[in-house]
Amino acid sequence: MNDLQHFNKEKLLQIIGGDEDFVIVLVKTFFDNYEKYITKINEALAQTNQELLKLNAHSIKGSARSVFFEIMADYAGSIENLEIYKKKEIIEILDLMSKEFDFLKKELKVKIN
């Protein structure tokens, strides 16, 4: 994971043709949807629902990859691959994801807002 970036803006800009305004739209969309997915993951843990866990972890992974939040995508992929009964590990990764989310919001707020 050492070679992963919090946000690889250069790759995102390359994919979307250098449109800085569209970067803002994409990143805000990720931020807007993240909490919904986390809520569903917590519901999955409470209900011991493997399918719900995988679905929402996969959604975060895909959303994070689409905006090149590489570390976030890696964490979500780790959760997606864990069995629901490994709650301690899942919760530890969720804590790391929460810290990463807070970091991204703080770092990108200056650049986005």
Protein backbone atom coordinates (compact mmCIF):
# COMPACT_ATOMS: atom_id res chain seq x y z
CA MET A 1 0.00 0.00 0.00
CA ASN A 2 3.04 2.28 0.25
CA ASP A 3 2.74 3.31 -3.39
CA LEU A 4 -0.93 4.27 -3.09
CA GLN A 5 -1.91 7.92 -2.92
CA HIS A 6 -4.65 9.57 -0.91
CA PHE A 7 -5.82 11.30 -4.09
CA ASN A 8 -4.18 10.87 -7.47
CA LYS A 9 -5.55 14.02 -9.04
CA GLU A 10 -3.18 13.82 -11.99
CA LYS A 11 -4.62 10.46 -13.10
CA LEU A 12 -8.18 11.70 -12.65
CA LEU A 13 -7.48 14.84 -14.69
CA GLN A 14 -5.89 12.73 -17.40
CA ILE A 15 -8.97 10.48 -17.63
CA ILE A 16 -11.46 13.37 -17.74
CA GLY A 17 -9.50 15.54 -20.13
CA GLY A 18 -8.17 18.07 -17.63
CA ASP A 19 -11.56 19.44 -16.56
CA GLU A 20 -10.92 20.88 -13.07
CA ASP A 21 -14.62 21.69 -12.56
CA PHE A 22 -15.58 18.09 -13.21
CA VAL A 23 -13.02 16.97 -10.61
CA ILE A 24 -14.98 18.99 -8.05
CA VAL A 25 -18.28 17.39 -9.11
CA LEU A 26 -16.85 13.87 -8.94
CA VAL A 27 -15.18 14.34 -5.56
CA LYS A 28 -18.28 15.94 -4.03
CA THR A 29 -20.37 13.06 -5.34
CA PHE A 30 -18.07 10.61 -3.56
CA PHE A 31 -18.28 12.59 -0.33
CA ASP A 32 -22.07 12.81 -0.58
CA ASN A 33 -22.49 9.04 -1.02
CA TYR A 34 -19.82 7.77 1.37
CA GLU A 35 -21.85 8.15 4.58
CA LYS A 36 -24.78 6.24 3.05
CA TYR A 37 -22.53 3.28 2.26
CA ILE A 38 -20.91 3.35 5.72
CA THR A 39 -24.36 3.33 7.34
CA LYS A 40 -25.26 0.25 5.30
CA ILE A 41 -21.99 -1.47 6.26
CA ASN A 42 -22.78 -0.86 9.93
CA GLU A 43 -26.27 -2.28 9.36
CA ALA A 44 -24.68 -5.33 7.74
CA LEU A 45 -22.47 -5.86 10.78
CA ALA A 46 -25.44 -5.53 13.14
CA GLN A 47 -27.49 -7.98 11.05
CA THR A 48 -24.57 -10.29 10.21
CA ASN A 49 -25.48 -9.79 6.56
CA GLN A 50 -22.56 -10.78 4.29
CA GLU A 51 -24.30 -9.68 1.09
CA LEU A 52 -25.05 -6.19 2.40
CA LEU A 53 -21.48 -5.85 3.65
CA LYS A 54 -19.95 -6.85 0.31
CA LEU A 55 -22.34 -4.72 -1.73
CA ASN A 56 -21.61 -1.51 0.15
CA ALA A 57 -17.88 -2.11 0.52
CA HIS A 58 -17.80 -2.77 -3.22
CA SER A 59 -19.71 0.47 -3.85
CA ILE A 60 -17.21 2.48 -1.82
CA LYS A 61 -14.31 0.74 -3.57
CA GLY A 62 -15.71 1.53 -7.01
CA SER A 63 -16.58 5.10 -6.13
CA ALA A 64 -13.16 5.69 -4.60
CA ARG A 65 -11.40 4.17 -7.60
CA SER A 66 -13.41 6.35 -9.97
CA VAL A 67 -11.96 9.48 -8.35
CA PHE A 68 -8.54 7.91 -7.66
CA PHE A 69 -8.83 7.86 -3.86
CA GLU A 70 -6.41 4.97 -3.90
CA ILE A 71 -6.01 4.32 -0.16
CA MET A 72 -9.76 4.50 0.43
CA ALA A 73 -10.37 2.04 -2.41
CA ASP A 74 -7.80 -0.33 -0.94
CA TYR A 75 -9.48 -0.25 2.50
CA ALA A 76 -12.92 -0.84 0.99
CA GLY A 77 -11.56 -3.74 -1.07
CA SER A 78 -10.16 -5.27 2.10
CA ILE A 79 -13.57 -5.13 3.76
CA GLU A 80 -15.24 -6.51 0.65
CA ASN A 81 -13.00 -9.57 0.85
CA LEU A 82 -13.56 -10.28 4.55
CA GLU A 83 -16.17 -12.61 5.93
CA ILE A 84 -18.84 -10.94 8.06
CA TYR A 85 -17.83 -12.91 11.15
CA LYS A 86 -14.45 -11.11 11.16
CA LYS A 87 -16.12 -8.08 12.75
CA LYS A 88 -13.08 -6.97 14.72
CA GLU A 89 -10.99 -6.70 11.55
CA ILE A 90 -13.81 -4.99 9.68
CA ILE A 91 -14.25 -2.44 12.46
CA GLU A 92 -10.50 -1.75 12.49
CA ILE A 93 -10.56 -1.09 8.75
CA LEU A 94 -13.69 1.07 9.11
CA ASP A 95 -11.77 3.16 11.63
CA LEU A 96 -8.93 3.60 9.14
CA MET A 97 -11.46 4.49 6.44
CA SER A 98 -13.03 7.09 8.71
CA LYS A 99 -9.63 8.68 9.30
CA GLU A 100 -8.90 8.60 5.57
CA PHE A 101 -12.28 10.17 4.80
CA ASP A 102 -11.64 12.96 7.33
CA PHE A 103 -8.17 13.49 5.87
CA LEU A 104 -9.50 13.72 2.31
CA LYS A 105 -12.26 16.14 3.28
CA LYS A 106 -9.78 18.35 5.13
CA GLU A 107 -7.15 18.26 2.41
CA LEU A 108 -9.53 18.76 -0.50
CA LYS A 109 -11.72 21.38 1.15
CA VAL A 110 -9.09 24.01 0.43
CA LYS A 111 -8.85 22.93 -3.20
CA ILE A 112 -12.57 22.33 -3.78
CA ASN A 113 -14.50 24.95 -1.84
